[in-house]
C-alpha atoms as a PDB file:
ATOM      1  CA  MET A   1      -2.413  -2.028 -15.111  1.00  0.00           C
ATOM      2  CA  MET A   2      -2.965  -5.580 -13.941  1.00  0.00           C
ATOM      3  CA  PRO A   3      -3.709  -6.280 -10.260  1.00  0.00           C
ATOM      4  CA  ASN A   4      -2.993  -9.747  -8.885  1.00  0.00           C
ATOM      5  CA  VAL A   5      -4.482 -10.457  -5.458  1.00  0.00           C
ATOM      6  CA  THR A   6      -3.474 -13.234  -3.060  1.00  0.00           C
ATOM      7  CA  ARG A   7      -3.948 -14.044   0.655  1.00  0.00           C
ATOM      8  CA  GLY A   8      -1.714 -15.578   3.273  1.00  0.00           C
ATOM      9  CA  ASP A   9      -0.828 -15.657   6.961  1.00  0.00           C
ATOM     10  CA  ARG A  10       2.920 -14.919   7.008  1.00  0.00           C
ATOM     11  CA  MET A  11       3.690 -11.220   6.771  1.00  0.00           C
ATOM     12  CA  GLY A  12       7.340 -11.914   7.566  1.00  0.00           C
ATOM     13  CA  GLY A  13       7.580 -14.443   4.753  1.00  0.00           C
ATOM     14  CA  LEU A  14       6.051 -12.063   2.226  1.00  0.00           C
ATOM     15  CA  LEU A  15       8.224  -9.071   3.185  1.00  0.00           C
ATOM     16  CA  SER A  16      11.355 -11.258   3.241  1.00  0.00           C
ATOM     17  CA  TYR A  17      10.604 -12.461  -0.271  1.00  0.00           C
ATOM     18  CA  LEU A  18       9.991  -8.921  -1.536  1.00  0.00           C
ATOM     19  CA  ALA A  19      13.291  -7.772   0.002  1.00  0.00           C
ATOM     20  CA  GLY A  20      15.178 -10.813  -1.282  1.00  0.00           C
ATOM     21  CA  GLU A  21      16.802 -11.610  -4.606  1.00  0.00           C
ATOM     22  CA  GLY A  22      13.712 -13.074  -6.263  1.00  0.00           C
ATOM     23  CA  ARG A  23      13.265 -16.429  -7.940  1.00  0.00           C
ATOM     24  CA  ARG A  24      15.517 -15.431 -10.833  1.00  0.00           C
ATOM     25  CA  ASN A  25      17.707 -12.883  -9.050  1.00  0.00           C
ATOM     26  CA  GLU A  26      15.575 -10.181 -10.671  1.00  0.00           C
ATOM     27  CA  HIS A  27      14.979  -8.078  -7.543  1.00  0.00           C
ATOM     28  CA  THR A  28      17.155  -4.965  -7.371  1.00  0.00           C
ATOM     29  CA  GLU A  29      17.196  -2.238  -4.703  1.00  0.00           C
ATOM     30  CA  PRO A  30      14.019  -3.298  -2.851  1.00  0.00           C
ATOM     31  CA  HIS A  31      12.516  -0.347  -0.977  1.00  0.00           C
ATOM     32  CA  LEU A  32       9.254   1.105   0.263  1.00  0.00           C
ATOM     33  CA  VAL A  33       7.617   3.674  -1.982  1.00  0.00           C
ATOM     34  CA  THR A  34       4.828   4.415   0.511  1.00  0.00           C
ATOM     35  CA  GLY A  35       2.659   2.809   3.159  1.00  0.00           C
ATOM     36  CA  ASP A  36       0.434   3.776   6.028  1.00  0.00           C
ATOM     37  CA  SER A  37       1.789   7.130   7.101  1.00  0.00           C
ATOM     38  CA  ALA A  38       3.226   6.083  10.458  1.00  0.00           C
ATOM     39  CA  THR A  39       5.063   3.048   9.067  1.00  0.00           C
ATOM     40  CA  PHE A  40       6.455   4.849   6.038  1.00  0.00           C
ATOM     41  CA  THR A  41       7.521   7.848   8.113  1.00  0.00           C
ATOM     42  CA  PHE A  42       9.424   5.573  10.504  1.00  0.00           C
ATOM     43  CA  TYR A  43      11.102   3.266   7.971  1.00  0.00           C
ATOM     44  CA  GLY A  44      11.409   5.564   4.947  1.00  0.00           C
ATOM     45  CA  ASP A  45      12.566   4.418   1.526  1.00  0.00           C
ATOM     46  CA  ALA A  46      16.032   3.050   2.343  1.00  0.00           C
ATOM     47  CA  GLU A  47      16.996  -0.183   0.596  1.00  0.00           C
ATOM     48  CA  LEU A  48      15.529  -3.174   2.413  1.00  0.00           C
ATOM     49  CA  ASP A  49      17.422  -6.162   3.714  1.00  0.00           C
ATOM     50  CA  ARG A  50      16.051  -9.212   5.498  1.00  0.00           C
ATOM     51  CA  ALA A  51      16.367  -7.648   8.950  1.00  0.00           C
ATOM     52  CA  SER A  52      14.526  -4.458   8.014  1.00  0.00           C
ATOM     53  CA  ALA A  53      11.873  -6.446   6.130  1.00  0.00           C
ATOM     54  CA  LEU A  54      11.191  -8.573   9.217  1.00  0.00           C
ATOM     55  CA  ALA A  55      11.070  -5.462  11.420  1.00  0.00           C
ATOM     56  CA  ILE A  56       8.482  -3.893   9.113  1.00  0.00           C
ATOM     57  CA  ALA A  57       6.487  -7.127   9.032  1.00  0.00           C
ATOM     58  CA  LYS A  58       6.425  -7.265  12.842  1.00  0.00           C
ATOM     59  CA  ASP A  59       5.238  -3.663  12.980  1.00  0.00           C
ATOM     60  CA  LEU A  60       2.512  -4.306  10.399  1.00  0.00           C
ATOM     61  CA  ASP A  61       1.352  -7.367  12.357  1.00  0.00           C
ATOM     62  CA  GLU A  62       1.115  -5.545  15.700  1.00  0.00           C
ATOM     63  CA  PRO A  63      -2.670  -4.887  15.721  1.00  0.00           C
ATOM     64  CA  ARG A  64      -3.411  -8.558  15.006  1.00  0.00           C
ATOM     65  CA  THR A  65      -1.043  -9.847  17.672  1.00  0.00           C
ATOM     66  CA  ALA A  66      -2.080  -7.216  20.221  1.00  0.00           C
ATOM     67  CA  PHE A  67      -5.783  -8.035  19.899  1.00  0.00           C
ATOM     68  CA  GLY A  68      -5.296 -11.773  19.259  1.00  0.00           C
ATOM     69  CA  VAL A  69      -7.439 -11.678  16.115  1.00  0.00           C
ATOM     70  CA  GLU A  70      -7.541 -14.570  13.657  1.00  0.00           C
ATOM     71  CA  VAL A  71      -8.697 -14.059  10.066  1.00  0.00           C
ATOM     72  CA  ASN A  72     -10.056 -16.995   8.087  1.00  0.00           C
ATOM     73  CA  GLY A  73      -7.947 -17.470   4.984  1.00  0.00           C
ATOM     74  CA  GLY A  74      -5.102 -15.361   6.383  1.00  0.00           C
ATOM     75  CA  HIS A  75      -4.676 -11.791   7.591  1.00  0.00           C
ATOM     76  CA  VAL A  76      -2.080 -10.863   4.950  1.00  0.00           C
ATOM     77  CA  TRP A  77      -3.621  -9.310   1.824  1.00  0.00           C
ATOM     78  CA  HIS A  78      -1.158  -8.993  -1.044  1.00  0.00           C
ATOM     79  CA  ALA A  79      -1.672  -7.283  -4.387  1.00  0.00           C
ATOM     80  CA  SER A  80       0.845  -6.685  -7.143  1.00  0.00           C
ATOM     81  CA  LEU A  81       0.130  -3.869  -9.598  1.00  0.00           C
ATOM     82  CA  SER A  82       1.964  -4.370 -12.867  1.00  0.00           C
ATOM     83  CA  LEU A  83       2.378  -2.366 -16.074  1.00  0.00           C
ATOM     84  CA  ARG A  84       2.949  -3.853 -19.503  1.00  0.00           C
ATOM     85  CA  ALA A  85       6.635  -3.944 -20.398  1.00  0.00           C
ATOM     86  CA  GLU A  86       6.115  -1.521 -23.310  1.00  0.00           C
ATOM     87  CA  GLU A  87       4.765   1.138 -20.921  1.00  0.00           C
ATOM     88  CA  GLY A  88       8.215   1.685 -19.439  1.00  0.00           C
ATOM     89  CA  GLN A  89       8.745   2.689 -15.827  1.00  0.00           C
ATOM     90  CA  LEU A  90       7.057   5.112 -13.431  1.00  0.00           C
ATOM     91  CA  SER A  91       8.796   7.171 -10.756  1.00  0.00           C
ATOM     92  CA  ASP A  92       8.550   6.146  -7.110  1.00  0.00           C
ATOM     93  CA  GLU A  93       6.360   9.213  -6.555  1.00  0.00           C
ATOM     94  CA  ARG A  94       3.831   8.151  -9.174  1.00  0.00           C
ATOM     95  CA  TRP A  95       3.738   4.594  -7.860  1.00  0.00           C
ATOM     96  CA  ALA A  96       3.225   6.002  -4.350  1.00  0.00           C
ATOM     97  CA  ALA A  97       0.225   8.047  -5.500  1.00  0.00           C
ATOM     98  CA  ILE A  98      -1.245   5.012  -7.288  1.00  0.00           C
ATOM     99  CA  ALA A  99      -0.741   2.747  -4.268  1.00  0.00           C
ATOM    100  CA  GLU A 100      -2.297   5.239  -1.848  1.00  0.00           C
ATOM    101  CA  GLN A 101      -5.347   5.752  -4.031  1.00  0.00           C
ATOM    102  CA  PHE A 102      -5.646   1.990  -4.526  1.00  0.00           C
ATOM    103  CA  VAL A 103      -5.712   1.104  -0.811  1.00  0.00           C
ATOM    104  CA  ASP A 104      -7.987   4.064  -0.045  1.00  0.00           C
ATOM    105  CA  ARG A 105     -10.550   2.818  -2.554  1.00  0.00           C
ATOM    106  CA  MET A 106     -10.193  -0.788  -1.402  1.00  0.00           C
ATOM    107  CA  GLY A 107     -11.373   0.458   2.002  1.00  0.00           C
ATOM    108  CA  PHE A 108      -8.193  -0.360   3.926  1.00  0.00           C
ATOM    109  CA  THR A 109      -7.440   3.157   5.214  1.00  0.00           C
ATOM    110  CA  THR A 110      -9.131   5.786   7.353  1.00  0.00           C
ATOM    111  CA  ALA A 111     -10.640   7.146   4.127  1.00  0.00           C
ATOM    112  CA  SER A 112     -13.246   4.398   4.662  1.00  0.00           C
ATOM    113  CA  GLY A 113     -14.410   6.121   7.849  1.00  0.00           C
ATOM    114  CA  LYS A 114     -13.047   3.201   9.897  1.00  0.00           C
ATOM    115  CA  ALA A 115      -9.771   2.551  11.676  1.00  0.00           C
ATOM    116  CA  GLY A 116      -6.952   2.079   9.202  1.00  0.00           C
ATOM    117  CA  CYS A 117      -5.044  -1.063   8.320  1.00  0.00           C
ATOM    118  CA  ARG A 118      -1.258  -1.073   8.392  1.00  0.00           C
ATOM    119  CA  TRP A 119       0.249  -1.534   4.950  1.00  0.00           C
ATOM    120  CA  VAL A 120       3.273  -0.882   2.764  1.00  0.00           C
ATOM    121  CA  ALA A 121       4.040  -0.759  -0.955  1.00  0.00           C
ATOM    122  CA  VAL A 122       7.361  -2.288  -2.044  1.00  0.00           C
ATOM    123  CA  ARG A 123       9.219  -1.767  -5.310  1.00  0.00           C
ATOM    124  CA  HIS A 124      12.119  -4.007  -6.285  1.00  0.00           C
ATOM    125  CA  GLY A 125      12.819  -3.386  -9.938  1.00  0.00           C
ATOM    126  CA  LEU A 126      11.410  -4.948 -13.085  1.00  0.00           C
ATOM    127  CA  SER A 127      10.004  -8.447 -13.287  1.00  0.00           C
ATOM    128  CA  ALA A 128      11.868 -11.114 -15.253  1.00  0.00           C
ATOM    129  CA  ALA A 129       9.623 -10.201 -18.209  1.00  0.00           C
ATOM    130  CA  GLY A 130      10.497  -6.502 -17.936  1.00  0.00           C
ATOM    131  CA  ASN A 131       7.291  -5.286 -16.271  1.00  0.00           C
ATOM    132  CA  ASP A 132       7.447  -2.336 -13.906  1.00  0.00           C
ATOM    133  CA  HIS A 133       5.385  -3.138 -10.813  1.00  0.00           C
ATOM    134  CA  ILE A 134       4.876  -2.723  -7.083  1.00  0.00           C
ATOM    135  CA  HIS A 135       3.674  -5.032  -4.320  1.00  0.00           C
ATOM    136  CA  ILE A 136       1.169  -3.925  -1.684  1.00  0.00           C
ATOM    137  CA  ALA A 137       1.036  -5.806   1.627  1.00  0.00           C
ATOM    138  CA  VAL A 138      -1.891  -5.122   3.979  1.00  0.00           C
ATOM    139  CA  ASN A 139      -2.673  -6.415   7.459  1.00  0.00           C
ATOM    140  CA  LEU A 140      -6.421  -7.052   7.365  1.00  0.00           C
ATOM    141  CA  VAL A 141      -6.757  -6.423  11.120  1.00  0.00           C
ATOM    142  CA  ARG A 142      -7.403  -2.730  11.636  1.00  0.00           C
ATOM    143  CA  GLU A 143      -5.836  -0.581  14.352  1.00  0.00           C
ATOM    144  CA  ASP A 144      -8.875  -1.121  16.613  1.00  0.00           C
ATOM    145  CA  GLY A 145      -8.851  -4.914  16.206  1.00  0.00           C
ATOM    146  CA  THR A 146     -11.736  -5.100  13.722  1.00  0.00           C
ATOM    147  CA  LYS A 147     -11.345  -6.909  10.406  1.00  0.00           C
ATOM    148  CA  ALA A 148     -11.296  -5.195   7.021  1.00  0.00           C
ATOM    149  CA  SER A 149     -13.856  -6.452   4.527  1.00  0.00           C
ATOM    150  CA  ILE A 150     -12.489  -8.298   1.511  1.00  0.00           C
ATOM    151  CA  HIS A 151     -15.868  -9.059  -0.037  1.00  0.00           C
ATOM    152  CA  ASN A 152     -15.450  -9.164  -3.831  1.00  0.00           C
ATOM    153  CA  ASP A 153     -11.894  -7.931  -3.377  1.00  0.00           C
ATOM    154  CA  TYR A 154     -10.662  -9.293  -6.708  1.00  0.00           C
ATOM    155  CA  SER A 155     -13.453  -7.631  -8.676  1.00  0.00           C
ATOM    156  CA  ARG A 156     -13.048  -4.384  -6.747  1.00  0.00           C
ATOM    157  CA  ALA A 157      -9.295  -4.423  -7.391  1.00  0.00           C
ATOM    158  CA  GLN A 158      -9.933  -4.800 -11.113  1.00  0.00           C
ATOM    159  CA  SER A 159     -12.441  -1.941 -11.109  1.00  0.00           C
ATOM    160  CA  ILE A 160     -10.102   0.349  -9.176  1.00  0.00           C
ATOM    161  CA  ALA A 161      -7.258  -0.508 -11.555  1.00  0.00           C
ATOM    162  CA  ARG A 162      -9.455   0.659 -14.437  1.00  0.00           C
ATOM    163  CA  GLU A 163     -10.078   3.982 -12.713  1.00  0.00           C
ATOM    164  CA  LEU A 164      -6.390   4.496 -11.975  1.00  0.00           C
ATOM    165  CA  GLU A 165      -5.397   3.702 -15.564  1.00  0.00           C
ATOM    166  CA  GLN A 166      -7.589   6.548 -16.704  1.00  0.00           C
ATOM    167  CA  GLU A 167      -6.505   8.992 -14.021  1.00  0.00           C
ATOM    168  CA  HIS A 168      -2.783   8.388 -14.404  1.00  0.00           C
ATOM    169  CA  GLY A 169      -2.684   8.138 -18.180  1.00  0.00           C
ATOM    170  CA  LEU A 170      -1.697   4.459 -18.208  1.00  0.00           C
ATOM    171  CA  GLN A 171      -2.386   2.001 -20.979  1.00  0.00           C
ATOM    172  CA  VAL A 172      -6.009   0.833 -20.865  1.00  0.00           C
ATOM    173  CA  LEU A 173      -6.656  -2.780 -21.761  1.00  0.00           C
ATOM    174  CA  GLU A 174      -8.805  -3.166 -24.881  1.00  0.00           C
ATOM    175  CA  SER A 175     -11.281  -5.283 -22.939  1.00  0.00           C
ATOM    176  CA  ARG A 176     -11.955  -2.417 -20.566  1.00  0.00           C
ATOM    177  CA  GLY A 177     -14.499   0.304 -21.188  1.00  0.00           C
ATOM    178  CA  SER A 178     -13.501   3.870 -21.912  1.00  0.00           C
ATOM    179  CA  ASN A 179     -16.191   5.704 -19.903  1.00  0.00           C
ATOM    180  CA  MET A 180     -14.841   5.256 -16.406  1.00  0.00           C
ATOM    181  CA  ALA A 181     -15.502   7.509 -13.432  1.00  0.00           C
ATOM    182  CA  MET A 182     -12.713  10.033 -12.978  1.00  0.00           C
ATOM    183  CA  ARG A 183     -11.484  10.869  -9.489  1.00  0.00           C
ATOM    184  CA  GLY A 184      -8.278  12.181  -7.957  1.00  0.00           C
ATOM    185  CA  GLU A 185      -6.306  15.422  -8.034  1.00  0.00           C
ATOM    186  CA  ARG A 186      -7.846  18.534  -9.542  1.00  0.00           C
ATOM    187  CA  ALA A 187      -6.594  19.498 -12.977  1.00  0.00           C
ATOM    188  CA  GLY A 188      -5.170  22.784 -11.653  1.00  0.00           C
ATOM    189  CA  GLU A 189      -3.175  20.935  -9.015  1.00  0.00           C
ATOM    190  CA  ARG A 190      -1.739  18.556 -11.608  1.00  0.00           C
ATOM    191  CA  ALA A 191      -0.758  21.465 -13.858  1.00  0.00           C
ATOM    192  CA  ALA A 192       0.958  23.321 -11.013  1.00  0.00           C
ATOM    193  CA  ALA A 193       2.834  20.160 -10.036  1.00  0.00           C
ATOM    194  CA  ALA A 194       3.932  19.617 -13.622  1.00  0.00           C
ATOM    195  CA  ARG A 195       5.341  23.162 -13.835  1.00  0.00           C
ATOM    196  CA  ARG A 196       7.402  22.468 -10.711  1.00  0.00           C
ATOM    197  CA  GLY A 197       8.482  19.098 -12.057  1.00  0.00           C
ATOM    198  CA  ASP A 198       6.847  17.574  -8.991  1.00  0.00           C
ATOM    199  CA  ASP A 199       4.988  14.255  -9.179  1.00  0.00           C
ATOM    200  CA  SER A 200       3.243  14.854  -5.863  1.00  0.00           C
ATOM    201  CA  VAL A 201       0.905  17.818  -5.558  1.00  0.00           C
ATOM    202  CA  ALA A 202       0.979  19.994  -2.441  1.00  0.00           C
ATOM    203  CA  SER A 203      -2.400  18.835  -1.173  1.00  0.00           C
ATOM    204  CA  VAL A 204      -1.299  15.189  -1.316  1.00  0.00           C
ATOM    205  CA  ARG A 205       1.943  15.941   0.552  1.00  0.00           C
ATOM    206  CA  LEU A 206       0.002  17.847   3.221  1.00  0.00           C
ATOM    207  CA  GLU A 207      -2.469  14.986   3.571  1.00  0.00           C
ATOM    208  CA  ARG A 208       0.396  12.505   4.048  1.00  0.00           C
ATOM    209  CA  THR A 209       1.892  14.680   6.806  1.00  0.00           C
ATOM    210  CA  VAL A 210      -1.436  15.009   8.620  1.00  0.00           C
ATOM    211  CA  ARG A 211      -2.136  11.290   8.286  1.00  0.00           C
ATOM    212  CA  ALA A 212       1.287  10.419   9.700  1.00  0.00           C
ATOM    213  CA  ALA A 213       0.789  12.615  12.763  1.00  0.00           C
ATOM    214  CA  THR A 214      -2.723  11.297  13.358  1.00  0.00           C
ATOM    215  CA  GLU A 215      -1.763   7.644  12.958  1.00  0.00           C
ATOM    216  CA  ARG A 216       1.256   7.968  15.244  1.00  0.00           C
ATOM    217  CA  ALA A 217      -0.982   9.535  17.920  1.00  0.00           C
ATOM    218  CA  GLU A 218      -3.606   6.802  17.493  1.00  0.00           C
ATOM    219  CA  ARG A 219      -0.992   4.063  17.766  1.00  0.00           C
ATOM    220  CA  ALA A 220       0.468   5.608  20.916  1.00  0.00           C
ATOM    221  CA  ALA A 221      -2.998   5.965  22.471  1.00  0.00           C
ATOM    222  CA  GLY A 222      -3.864   2.383  21.573  1.00  0.00           C
ATOM    223  CA  ALA A 223      -0.637   1.070  23.084  1.00  0.00           C
ATOM    224  CA  ARG A 224      -1.255   3.048  26.307  1.00  0.00           C
ATOM    225  CA  HIS A 225      -4.821   1.745  26.486  1.00  0.00           C
ATOM    226  CA  ARG A 226      -3.708  -1.871  26.107  1.00  0.00           C
ATOM    227  CA  THR A 227      -0.964  -1.405  28.707  1.00  0.00           C
ATOM    228  CA  ILE A 228      -3.419   0.045  31.230  1.00  0.00           C
ATOM    229  CA  GLY A 229      -5.843  -2.793  30.530  1.00  0.00           C
ATOM    230  CA  GLU A 230      -3.130  -5.386  31.088  1.00  0.00           C
ATOM    231  CA  SER A 231      -2.014  -3.764  34.362  1.00  0.00           C
ATOM    232  CA  ASN A 232      -5.615  -3.735  35.642  1.00  0.00           C
ATOM    233  CA  GLY A 233      -6.309  -7.271  34.490  1.00  0.00           C
END
């Protein structure tokens, strides 16, 4: 799995492109597969158009605009995760699990012990070369106005991709070592999910539900705090 990392400062431009037709009209049925729990719960996985893409972008940008934070090099962190064409296609559920583990390990979520960043993962069909892939868009300004660290982000993305290849049974590049640390769902959970024909184990679904409730509460509290501060200012 090949990660490609870029930076920018236009969340609306990025989401509009991902929801659009693509440079060669290769984009089909663009939709979210996952994201920070509050955003994904609100917008779901309906097919995206330009209006919905811009609405999501505005929502993702809210912490940066609310706190007036500027990030050198751009606050929009974008990574595409791509399979080789011969690997075929994954389900939305498997891509969701991969994306969530990826952003967790990059330190963009509350799994880091810090306030979370807002983010989404978009899928819009195969690339022109036939590669199954997703795009991850992250606002580097966390919910509390602090900035997420992107130190050595390209190298870390490569290392995390190696781990996820192993854990999800994806094709490992020959240049990558075979003795990688293994993390993720317990074997028993994976077996139970397989018997049910379910790509998402119960513990992961429960965690998503809890995260969504927590993040919605945090966002509401943050909005109330800023409103009170403005009224007292």
